[in-house]
Full PDB file with SEQRES, HELIX, SHEET, SSBOND, CRYST1, ORIGX, SCALE, CONECT and MASTER records, all heavy atoms in Angstrom:
SEQRES   1 A   33  ASP GLU ASP ILE ASP PHE SER ASP ILE PRO LYS ILE THR          
SEQRES   2 A   33  ASP PHE SER ARG PHE ILE PRO GLY LYS PRO ARG PHE ASP          
SEQRES   3 A   33  ALA MET ARG GLU HIS ASN ARG                                  
HELIX    1 AA1 LYS A   22  ASN A   32  1                                  11    
CRYST1    1.000    1.000    1.000  90.00  90.00  90.00 P 1           1          
ORIGX1      1.000000  0.000000  0.000000        0.00000                         
ORIGX2      0.000000  1.000000  0.000000        0.00000                         
ORIGX3      0.000000  0.000000  1.000000        0.00000                         
SCALE1      1.000000  0.000000  0.000000        0.00000                         
SCALE2      0.000000  1.000000  0.000000        0.00000                         
SCALE3      0.000000  0.000000  1.000000        0.00000                         
ATOM      1  N   ASP A   1       0.241   0.460 -24.273  1.00  0.00           N  
ATOM      2  CA  ASP A   1       0.186   1.359 -23.120  1.00  0.00           C  
ATOM      3  C   ASP A   1      -0.318   2.737 -23.520  1.00  0.00           C  
ATOM      4  O   ASP A   1      -1.019   3.400 -22.756  1.00  0.00           O  
ATOM      5  CB  ASP A   1       1.571   1.489 -22.472  1.00  0.00           C  
ATOM      6  CG  ASP A   1       2.008   0.225 -21.757  1.00  0.00           C  
ATOM      7  OD1 ASP A   1       1.151  -0.657 -21.534  1.00  0.00           O  
ATOM      8  OD2 ASP A   1       3.194   0.130 -21.417  1.00  0.00           O  
ATOM      9  N   GLU A   2       0.030   3.181 -24.718  1.00  0.00           N  
ATOM     10  CA  GLU A   2      -0.371   4.513 -25.184  1.00  0.00           C  
ATOM     11  C   GLU A   2      -1.878   4.620 -25.379  1.00  0.00           C  
ATOM     12  O   GLU A   2      -2.439   5.711 -25.402  1.00  0.00           O  
ATOM     13  CB  GLU A   2       0.320   4.856 -26.506  1.00  0.00           C  
ATOM     14  CG  GLU A   2       1.825   4.943 -26.424  1.00  0.00           C  
ATOM     15  CD  GLU A   2       2.502   3.580 -26.499  1.00  0.00           C  
ATOM     16  OE1 GLU A   2       1.967   2.664 -27.151  1.00  0.00           O  
ATOM     17  OE2 GLU A   2       3.570   3.443 -25.893  1.00  0.00           O  
ATOM     18  N   ASP A   3      -2.556   3.468 -25.527  1.00  0.00           N  
ATOM     19  CA  ASP A   3      -3.998   3.469 -25.773  1.00  0.00           C  
ATOM     20  C   ASP A   3      -4.831   3.507 -24.492  1.00  0.00           C  
ATOM     21  O   ASP A   3      -6.050   3.626 -24.549  1.00  0.00           O  
ATOM     22  CB  ASP A   3      -4.395   2.231 -26.577  1.00  0.00           C  
ATOM     23  CG  ASP A   3      -3.756   2.229 -27.956  1.00  0.00           C  
ATOM     24  OD1 ASP A   3      -3.435   3.330 -28.457  1.00  0.00           O  
ATOM     25  OD2 ASP A   3      -3.569   1.135 -28.505  1.00  0.00           O  
ATOM     26  N   ILE A   4      -4.190   3.396 -23.344  1.00  0.00           N  
ATOM     27  CA  ILE A   4      -4.925   3.390 -22.079  1.00  0.00           C  
ATOM     28  C   ILE A   4      -5.261   4.823 -21.688  1.00  0.00           C  
ATOM     29  O   ILE A   4      -4.402   5.707 -21.688  1.00  0.00           O  
ATOM     30  CB  ILE A   4      -4.098   2.707 -20.967  1.00  0.00           C  
ATOM     31  CG1 ILE A   4      -3.787   1.269 -21.379  1.00  0.00           C  
ATOM     32  CG2 ILE A   4      -4.843   2.744 -19.640  1.00  0.00           C  
ATOM     33  CD1 ILE A   4      -2.833   0.556 -20.459  1.00  0.00           C  
ATOM     34  N   ASP A   5      -6.515   5.051 -21.349  1.00  0.00           N  
ATOM     35  CA  ASP A   5      -6.991   6.388 -20.983  1.00  0.00           C  
ATOM     36  C   ASP A   5      -6.981   6.532 -19.461  1.00  0.00           C  
ATOM     37  O   ASP A   5      -7.736   5.883 -18.756  1.00  0.00           O  
ATOM     38  CB  ASP A   5      -8.412   6.602 -21.513  1.00  0.00           C  
ATOM     39  CG  ASP A   5      -8.975   7.953 -21.141  1.00  0.00           C  
ATOM     40  OD1 ASP A   5      -8.180   8.867 -20.810  1.00  0.00           O  
ATOM     41  OD2 ASP A   5     -10.200   8.100 -21.178  1.00  0.00           O  
ATOM     42  N   PHE A   6      -6.088   7.377 -18.964  1.00  0.00           N  
ATOM     43  CA  PHE A   6      -5.982   7.616 -17.529  1.00  0.00           C  
ATOM     44  C   PHE A   6      -6.649   8.926 -17.112  1.00  0.00           C  
ATOM     45  O   PHE A   6      -6.530   9.345 -15.967  1.00  0.00           O  
ATOM     46  CB  PHE A   6      -4.507   7.679 -17.108  1.00  0.00           C  
ATOM     47  CG  PHE A   6      -3.773   6.390 -17.282  1.00  0.00           C  
ATOM     48  CD1 PHE A   6      -2.878   6.219 -18.322  1.00  0.00           C  
ATOM     49  CD2 PHE A   6      -3.969   5.346 -16.397  1.00  0.00           C  
ATOM     50  CE1 PHE A   6      -2.200   5.027 -18.488  1.00  0.00           C  
ATOM     51  CE2 PHE A   6      -3.292   4.145 -16.551  1.00  0.00           C  
ATOM     52  CZ  PHE A   6      -2.407   3.984 -17.597  1.00  0.00           C  
ATOM     53  N   SER A   7      -7.380   9.558 -18.005  1.00  0.00           N  
ATOM     54  CA  SER A   7      -7.909  10.896 -17.738  1.00  0.00           C  
ATOM     55  C   SER A   7      -8.940  10.928 -16.609  1.00  0.00           C  
ATOM     56  O   SER A   7      -9.117  11.961 -15.969  1.00  0.00           O  
ATOM     57  CB  SER A   7      -8.522  11.483 -19.012  1.00  0.00           C  
ATOM     58  OG  SER A   7      -9.640  10.693 -19.398  1.00  0.00           O  
ATOM     59  N   ASP A   8      -9.623   9.814 -16.338  1.00  0.00           N  
ATOM     60  CA  ASP A   8     -10.636   9.838 -15.287  1.00  0.00           C  
ATOM     61  C   ASP A   8     -10.061   9.515 -13.905  1.00  0.00           C  
ATOM     62  O   ASP A   8     -10.777   9.537 -12.912  1.00  0.00           O  
ATOM     63  CB  ASP A   8     -11.772   8.866 -15.619  1.00  0.00           C  
ATOM     64  CG  ASP A   8     -11.296   7.441 -15.783  1.00  0.00           C  
ATOM     65  OD1 ASP A   8     -10.091   7.252 -16.024  1.00  0.00           O  
ATOM     66  OD2 ASP A   8     -12.124   6.526 -15.678  1.00  0.00           O  
ATOM     67  N   ILE A   9      -8.757   9.239 -13.830  1.00  0.00           N  
ATOM     68  CA  ILE A   9      -8.120   8.968 -12.539  1.00  0.00           C  
ATOM     69  C   ILE A   9      -7.631  10.299 -11.972  1.00  0.00           C  
ATOM     70  O   ILE A   9      -6.844  11.003 -12.608  1.00  0.00           O  
ATOM     71  CB  ILE A   9      -6.943   7.998 -12.699  1.00  0.00           C  
ATOM     72  CG1 ILE A   9      -7.427   6.688 -13.311  1.00  0.00           C  
ATOM     73  CG2 ILE A   9      -6.251   7.759 -11.366  1.00  0.00           C  
ATOM     74  CD1 ILE A   9      -6.321   5.730 -13.661  1.00  0.00           C  
ATOM     75  N   PRO A  10      -8.082  10.665 -10.779  1.00  0.00           N  
ATOM     76  CA  PRO A  10      -7.648  11.954 -10.220  1.00  0.00           C  
ATOM     77  C   PRO A  10      -6.156  11.933  -9.875  1.00  0.00           C  
ATOM     78  O   PRO A  10      -5.627  10.921  -9.428  1.00  0.00           O  
ATOM     79  CB  PRO A  10      -8.506  12.116  -8.961  1.00  0.00           C  
ATOM     80  CG  PRO A  10      -8.944  10.748  -8.625  1.00  0.00           C  
ATOM     81  CD  PRO A  10      -8.990   9.958  -9.885  1.00  0.00           C  
ATOM     82  N   LYS A  11      -5.511  13.051 -10.089  1.00  0.00           N  
ATOM     83  CA  LYS A  11      -4.093  13.160  -9.752  1.00  0.00           C  
ATOM     84  C   LYS A  11      -3.953  13.390  -8.251  1.00  0.00           C  
ATOM     85  O   LYS A  11      -4.736  14.112  -7.642  1.00  0.00           O  
ATOM     86  CB  LYS A  11      -3.451  14.321 -10.496  1.00  0.00           C  
ATOM     87  CG  LYS A  11      -3.379  14.089 -11.974  1.00  0.00           C  
ATOM     88  CD  LYS A  11      -2.586  15.174 -12.637  1.00  0.00           C  
ATOM     89  CE  LYS A  11      -2.701  15.006 -14.126  1.00  0.00           C  
ATOM     90  NZ  LYS A  11      -1.554  14.550 -14.770  1.00  0.00           N  
ATOM     91  N   ILE A  12      -2.956  12.764  -7.659  1.00  0.00           N  
ATOM     92  CA  ILE A  12      -2.671  12.961  -6.240  1.00  0.00           C  
ATOM     93  C   ILE A  12      -1.749  14.164  -6.119  1.00  0.00           C  
ATOM     94  O   ILE A  12      -0.666  14.196  -6.697  1.00  0.00           O  
ATOM     95  CB  ILE A  12      -2.012  11.713  -5.630  1.00  0.00           C  
ATOM     96  CG1 ILE A  12      -2.952  10.523  -5.739  1.00  0.00           C  
ATOM     97  CG2 ILE A  12      -1.610  11.971  -4.185  1.00  0.00           C  
ATOM     98  CD1 ILE A  12      -2.359   9.218  -5.281  1.00  0.00           C  
ATOM     99  N   THR A  13      -2.208  15.150  -5.379  1.00  0.00           N  
ATOM    100  CA  THR A  13      -1.393  16.354  -5.188  1.00  0.00           C  
ATOM    101  C   THR A  13      -1.057  16.577  -3.725  1.00  0.00           C  
ATOM    102  O   THR A  13      -0.145  17.327  -3.405  1.00  0.00           O  
ATOM    103  CB  THR A  13      -2.133  17.593  -5.717  1.00  0.00           C  
ATOM    104  OG1 THR A  13      -3.407  17.690  -5.070  1.00  0.00           O  
ATOM    105  CG2 THR A  13      -2.336  17.497  -7.221  1.00  0.00           C  
ATOM    106  N   ASP A  14      -1.806  15.924  -2.827  1.00  0.00           N  
ATOM    107  CA  ASP A  14      -1.566  16.101  -1.394  1.00  0.00           C  
ATOM    108  C   ASP A  14      -0.939  14.820  -0.840  1.00  0.00           C  
ATOM    109  O   ASP A  14      -1.598  13.798  -0.680  1.00  0.00           O  
ATOM    110  CB  ASP A  14      -2.885  16.398  -0.672  1.00  0.00           C  
ATOM    111  CG  ASP A  14      -2.693  16.567   0.824  1.00  0.00           C  
ATOM    112  OD1 ASP A  14      -1.548  16.777   1.272  1.00  0.00           O  
ATOM    113  OD2 ASP A  14      -3.704  16.472   1.544  1.00  0.00           O  
ATOM    114  N   PHE A  15       0.345  14.877  -0.558  1.00  0.00           N  
ATOM    115  CA  PHE A  15       1.061  13.725  -0.033  1.00  0.00           C  
ATOM    116  C   PHE A  15       1.275  13.836   1.477  1.00  0.00           C  
ATOM    117  O   PHE A  15       2.055  13.077   2.048  1.00  0.00           O  
ATOM    118  CB  PHE A  15       2.415  13.587  -0.734  1.00  0.00           C  
ATOM    119  CG  PHE A  15       2.291  13.307  -2.207  1.00  0.00           C  
ATOM    120  CD1 PHE A  15       2.355  14.329  -3.132  1.00  0.00           C  
ATOM    121  CD2 PHE A  15       2.101  12.019  -2.655  1.00  0.00           C  
ATOM    122  CE1 PHE A  15       2.235  14.074  -4.486  1.00  0.00           C  
ATOM    123  CE2 PHE A  15       1.976  11.749  -4.010  1.00  0.00           C  
ATOM    124  CZ  PHE A  15       2.042  12.777  -4.921  1.00  0.00           C  
ATOM    125  N   SER A  16       0.591  14.734   2.134  1.00  0.00           N  
ATOM    126  CA  SER A  16       0.832  14.980   3.557  1.00  0.00           C  
ATOM    127  C   SER A  16       0.457  13.791   4.442  1.00  0.00           C  
ATOM    128  O   SER A  16       1.026  13.625   5.511  1.00  0.00           O  
ATOM    129  CB  SER A  16       0.066  16.227   4.015  1.00  0.00           C  
ATOM    130  OG  SER A  16      -1.330  16.010   3.872  1.00  0.00           O  
ATOM    131  N   ARG A  17      -0.490  12.966   4.006  1.00  0.00           N  
ATOM    132  CA  ARG A  17      -0.908  11.836   4.834  1.00  0.00           C  
ATOM    133  C   ARG A  17      -0.150  10.550   4.507  1.00  0.00           C  
ATOM    134  O   ARG A  17      -0.389   9.516   5.116  1.00  0.00           O  
ATOM    135  CB  ARG A  17      -2.407  11.608   4.669  1.00  0.00           C  
ATOM    136  CG  ARG A  17      -3.224  12.807   5.199  1.00  0.00           C  
ATOM    137  CD  ARG A  17      -4.700  12.642   5.050  1.00  0.00           C  
ATOM    138  NE  ARG A  17      -5.162  11.369   5.585  1.00  0.00           N  
ATOM    139  CZ  ARG A  17      -6.252  10.729   5.166  1.00  0.00           C  
ATOM    140  NH1 ARG A  17      -6.972  11.248   4.208  1.00  0.00           N  
ATOM    141  NH2 ARG A  17      -6.600   9.597   5.689  1.00  0.00           N  
ATOM    142  N   PHE A  18       0.772  10.616   3.551  1.00  0.00           N  
ATOM    143  CA  PHE A  18       1.561   9.441   3.207  1.00  0.00           C  
ATOM    144  C   PHE A  18       2.552   9.156   4.332  1.00  0.00           C  
ATOM    145  O   PHE A  18       3.103  10.069   4.937  1.00  0.00           O  
ATOM    146  CB  PHE A  18       2.326   9.686   1.907  1.00  0.00           C  
ATOM    147  CG  PHE A  18       1.497   9.480   0.676  1.00  0.00           C  
ATOM    148  CD1 PHE A  18       0.173   9.851   0.627  1.00  0.00           C  
ATOM    149  CD2 PHE A  18       2.049   8.913  -0.451  1.00  0.00           C  
ATOM    150  CE1 PHE A  18      -0.588   9.670  -0.514  1.00  0.00           C  
ATOM    151  CE2 PHE A  18       1.311   8.725  -1.589  1.00  0.00           C  
ATOM    152  CZ  PHE A  18      -0.016   9.094  -1.630  1.00  0.00           C  
ATOM    153  N   ILE A  19       2.767   7.884   4.592  1.00  0.00           N  
ATOM    154  CA  ILE A  19       3.752   7.493   5.601  1.00  0.00           C  
ATOM    155  C   ILE A  19       4.707   6.475   4.980  1.00  0.00           C  
ATOM    156  O   ILE A  19       4.319   5.715   4.100  1.00  0.00           O  
ATOM    157  CB  ILE A  19       3.084   6.901   6.864  1.00  0.00           C  
ATOM    158  CG1 ILE A  19       2.200   5.710   6.486  1.00  0.00           C  
ATOM    159  CG2 ILE A  19       2.287   7.946   7.599  1.00  0.00           C  
ATOM    160  CD1 ILE A  19       1.649   4.973   7.683  1.00  0.00           C  
ATOM    161  N   PRO A  20       5.948   6.444   5.455  1.00  0.00           N  
ATOM    162  CA  PRO A  20       6.895   5.478   4.907  1.00  0.00           C  
ATOM    163  C   PRO A  20       6.459   4.041   5.217  1.00  0.00           C  
ATOM    164  O   PRO A  20       5.955   3.749   6.300  1.00  0.00           O  
ATOM    165  CB  PRO A  20       8.201   5.802   5.620  1.00  0.00           C  
ATOM    166  CG  PRO A  20       8.006   7.126   6.253  1.00  0.00           C  
ATOM    167  CD  PRO A  20       6.544   7.325   6.438  1.00  0.00           C  
ATOM    168  N   GLY A  21       6.631   3.159   4.276  1.00  0.00           N  
ATOM    169  CA  GLY A  21       6.223   1.769   4.466  1.00  0.00           C  
ATOM    170  C   GLY A  21       7.284   0.906   5.112  1.00  0.00           C  
ATOM    171  O   GLY A  21       6.988  -0.145   5.665  1.00  0.00           O  
ATOM    172  N   LYS A  22       8.551   1.320   5.071  1.00  0.00           N  
ATOM    173  CA  LYS A  22       9.631   0.473   5.562  1.00  0.00           C  
ATOM    174  C   LYS A  22       9.451   0.044   7.012  1.00  0.00           C  
ATOM    175  O   LYS A  22       9.644  -1.141   7.316  1.00  0.00           O  
ATOM    176  CB  LYS A  22      10.971   1.157   5.358  1.00  0.00           C  
ATOM    177  CG  LYS A  22      12.147   0.255   5.725  1.00  0.00           C  
ATOM    178  CD  LYS A  22      13.452   0.868   5.340  1.00  0.00           C  
ATOM    179  CE  LYS A  22      14.663   0.076   5.706  1.00  0.00           C  
ATOM    180  NZ  LYS A  22      14.561  -1.097   6.456  1.00  0.00           N  
ATOM    181  N   PRO A  23       9.092   0.916   7.939  1.00  0.00           N  
ATOM    182  CA  PRO A  23       8.924   0.444   9.319  1.00  0.00           C  
ATOM    183  C   PRO A  23       7.857  -0.649   9.449  1.00  0.00           C  
ATOM    184  O   PRO A  23       8.027  -1.605  10.214  1.00  0.00           O  
ATOM    185  CB  PRO A  23       8.499   1.700  10.084  1.00  0.00           C  
ATOM    186  CG  PRO A  23       9.035   2.832   9.274  1.00  0.00           C  
ATOM    187  CD  PRO A  23       8.969   2.382   7.859  1.00  0.00           C  
ATOM    188  N   ARG A  24       6.789  -0.533   8.683  1.00  0.00           N  
ATOM    189  CA  ARG A  24       5.758  -1.572   8.734  1.00  0.00           C  
ATOM    190  C   ARG A  24       6.276  -2.891   8.196  1.00  0.00           C  
ATOM    191  O   ARG A  24       6.015  -3.953   8.743  1.00  0.00           O  
ATOM    192  CB  ARG A  24       4.534  -1.152   7.934  1.00  0.00           C  
ATOM    193  CG  ARG A  24       3.722  -0.084   8.598  1.00  0.00           C  
ATOM    194  CD  ARG A  24       2.473   0.166   7.817  1.00  0.00           C  
ATOM    195  NE  ARG A  24       1.647   1.142   8.491  1.00  0.00           N  
ATOM    196  CZ  ARG A  24       0.557   1.638   7.994  1.00  0.00           C  
ATOM    197  NH1 ARG A  24       0.136   1.257   6.814  1.00  0.00           N  
ATOM    198  NH2 ARG A  24      -0.140   2.521   8.658  1.00  0.00           N  
ATOM    199  N   PHE A  25       7.012  -2.824   7.076  1.00  0.00           N  
ATOM    200  CA  PHE A  25       7.558  -4.047   6.505  1.00  0.00           C  
ATOM    201  C   PHE A  25       8.574  -4.693   7.438  1.00  0.00           C  
ATOM    202  O   PHE A  25       8.635  -5.915   7.556  1.00  0.00           O  
ATOM    203  CB  PHE A  25       8.187  -3.780   5.138  1.00  0.00           C  
ATOM    204  CG  PHE A  25       7.176  -3.436   4.086  1.00  0.00           C  
ATOM    205  CD1 PHE A  25       7.278  -2.283   3.352  1.00  0.00           C  
ATOM    206  CD2 PHE A  25       6.107  -4.280   3.823  1.00  0.00           C  
ATOM    207  CE1 PHE A  25       6.352  -1.964   2.375  1.00  0.00           C  
ATOM    208  CE2 PHE A  25       5.160  -3.981   2.859  1.00  0.00           C  
ATOM    209  CZ  PHE A  25       5.290  -2.809   2.131  1.00  0.00           C  
ATOM    210  N   ASP A  26       9.385  -3.865   8.099  1.00  0.00           N  
ATOM    211  CA  ASP A  26      10.351  -4.410   9.054  1.00  0.00           C  
ATOM    212  C   ASP A  26       9.634  -5.116  10.203  1.00  0.00           C  
ATOM    213  O   ASP A  26      10.051  -6.197  10.628  1.00  0.00           O  
ATOM    214  CB  ASP A  26      11.247  -3.302   9.606  1.00  0.00           C  
ATOM    215  CG  ASP A  26      12.217  -2.768   8.559  1.00  0.00           C  
ATOM    216  OD1 ASP A  26      12.424  -3.439   7.526  1.00  0.00           O  
ATOM    217  OD2 ASP A  26      12.766  -1.675   8.786  1.00  0.00           O  
ATOM    218  N   ALA A  27       8.548  -4.508  10.692  1.00  0.00           N  
ATOM    219  CA  ALA A  27       7.786  -5.122  11.778  1.00  0.00           C  
ATOM    220  C   ALA A  27       7.136  -6.425  11.315  1.00  0.00           C  
ATOM    221  O   ALA A  27       7.129  -7.425  12.054  1.00  0.00           O  
ATOM    222  CB  ALA A  27       6.723  -4.149  12.295  1.00  0.00           C  
ATOM    223  N   MET A  28       6.613  -6.443  10.101  1.00  0.00           N  
ATOM    224  CA  MET A  28       6.002  -7.666   9.572  1.00  0.00           C  
ATOM    225  C   MET A  28       7.052  -8.757   9.399  1.00  0.00           C  
ATOM    226  O   MET A  28       6.808  -9.926   9.708  1.00  0.00           O  
ATOM    227  CB  MET A  28       5.318  -7.390   8.229  1.00  0.00           C  
ATOM    228  CG  MET A  28       4.036  -6.613   8.370  1.00  0.00           C  
ATOM    229  SD  MET A  28       3.164  -6.154   6.845  1.00  0.00           S  
ATOM    230  CE  MET A  28       3.973  -6.946   5.541  1.00  0.00           C  
ATOM    231  N   ARG A  29       8.234  -8.385   8.920  1.00  0.00           N  
ATOM    232  CA  ARG A  29       9.306  -9.355   8.728  1.00  0.00           C  
ATOM    233  C   ARG A  29       9.701  -9.975  10.073  1.00  0.00           C  
ATOM    234  O   ARG A  29       9.885 -11.188  10.184  1.00  0.00           O  
ATOM    235  CB  ARG A  29      10.504  -8.667   8.081  1.00  0.00           C  
ATOM    236  CG  ARG A  29      11.602  -9.613   7.670  1.00  0.00           C  
ATOM    237  CD  ARG A  29      12.767  -8.910   6.961  1.00  0.00           C  
ATOM    238  NE  ARG A  29      12.340  -8.180   5.780  1.00  0.00           N  
ATOM    239  CZ  ARG A  29      12.381  -6.850   5.672  1.00  0.00           C  
ATOM    240  NH1 ARG A  29      12.832  -6.103   6.648  1.00  0.00           N  
ATOM    241  NH2 ARG A  29      11.972  -6.256   4.573  1.00  0.00           N  
ATOM    242  N   GLU A  30       9.816  -9.154  11.091  1.00  0.00           N  
ATOM    243  CA  GLU A  30      10.167  -9.654  12.426  1.00  0.00           C  
ATOM    244  C   GLU A  30       9.084 -10.575  12.970  1.00  0.00           C  
ATOM    245  O   GLU A  30       9.364 -11.628  13.535  1.00  0.00           O  
ATOM    246  CB  GLU A  30      10.392  -8.463  13.373  1.00  0.00           C  
ATOM    247  CG  GLU A  30      10.772  -8.855  14.775  1.00  0.00           C  
ATOM    248  CD  GLU A  30      12.113  -9.572  14.857  1.00  0.00           C  
ATOM    249  OE1 GLU A  30      12.929  -9.451  13.924  1.00  0.00           O  
ATOM    250  OE2 GLU A  30      12.339 -10.273  15.860  1.00  0.00           O  
ATOM    251  N   HIS A  31       7.831 -10.186  12.791  1.00  0.00           N  
ATOM    252  CA  HIS A  31       6.718 -11.025  13.243  1.00  0.00           C  
ATOM    253  C   HIS A  31       6.738 -12.371  12.518  1.00  0.00           C  
ATOM    254  O   HIS A  31       6.605 -13.431  13.150  1.00  0.00           O  
ATOM    255  CB  HIS A  31       5.388 -10.319  12.993  1.00  0.00           C  
ATOM    256  CG  HIS A  31       4.194 -11.181  13.225  1.00  0.00           C  
ATOM    257  ND1 HIS A  31       3.751 -11.508  14.488  1.00  0.00           N  
ATOM    258  CD2 HIS A  31       3.377 -11.820  12.359  1.00  0.00           C  
ATOM    259  CE1 HIS A  31       2.705 -12.305  14.377  1.00  0.00           C  
ATOM    260  NE2 HIS A  31       2.449 -12.508  13.096  1.00  0.00           N  
ATOM    261  N   ASN A  32       6.921 -12.343  11.210  1.00  0.00           N  
ATOM    262  CA  ASN A  32       6.954 -13.585  10.437  1.00  0.00           C  
ATOM    263  C   ASN A  32       8.112 -14.473  10.863  1.00  0.00           C  
ATOM    264  O   ASN A  32       7.984 -15.697  10.911  1.00  0.00           O  
ATOM    265  CB  ASN A  32       7.036 -13.288   8.935  1.00  0.00           C  
ATOM    266  CG  ASN A  32       5.758 -12.698   8.406  1.00  0.00           C  
ATOM    267  OD1 ASN A  32       4.702 -12.828   9.014  1.00  0.00           O  
ATOM    268  ND2 ASN A  32       5.852 -12.033   7.269  1.00  0.00           N  
ATOM    269  N   ARG A  33       9.254 -13.863  11.168  1.00  0.00           N  
ATOM    270  CA  ARG A  33      10.403 -14.637  11.630  1.00  0.00           C  
ATOM    271  C   ARG A  33      10.080 -15.361  12.929  1.00  0.00           C  
ATOM    272  O   ARG A  33      10.363 -16.556  13.094  1.00  0.00           O  
ATOM    273  CB  ARG A  33      11.613 -13.725  11.820  1.00  0.00           C  
ATOM    274  CG  ARG A  33      12.897 -14.473  12.178  1.00  0.00           C  
ATOM    275  CD  ARG A  33      14.029 -13.512  12.519  1.00  0.00           C  
ATOM    276  NE  ARG A  33      13.739 -12.686  13.676  1.00  0.00           N  
ATOM    277  CZ  ARG A  33      13.787 -13.118  14.943  1.00  0.00           C  
ATOM    278  NH1 ARG A  33      14.073 -14.351  15.216  1.00  0.00           N  
ATOM    279  NH2 ARG A  33      13.520 -12.291  15.937  1.00  0.00           N  
TER     280      ARG A  33                                                      
MASTER        0    0    0    1    0    0    0    6  279    1    0    3          
END                                                                             
């Protein structure tokens, strides 16, 4: 793991557009049921 170069992956600093996944998973679970 120490040999993997992550330097070209941009760091995420803006989390404002992130949304919680739980409501989507709950809806998918209900649909599948």
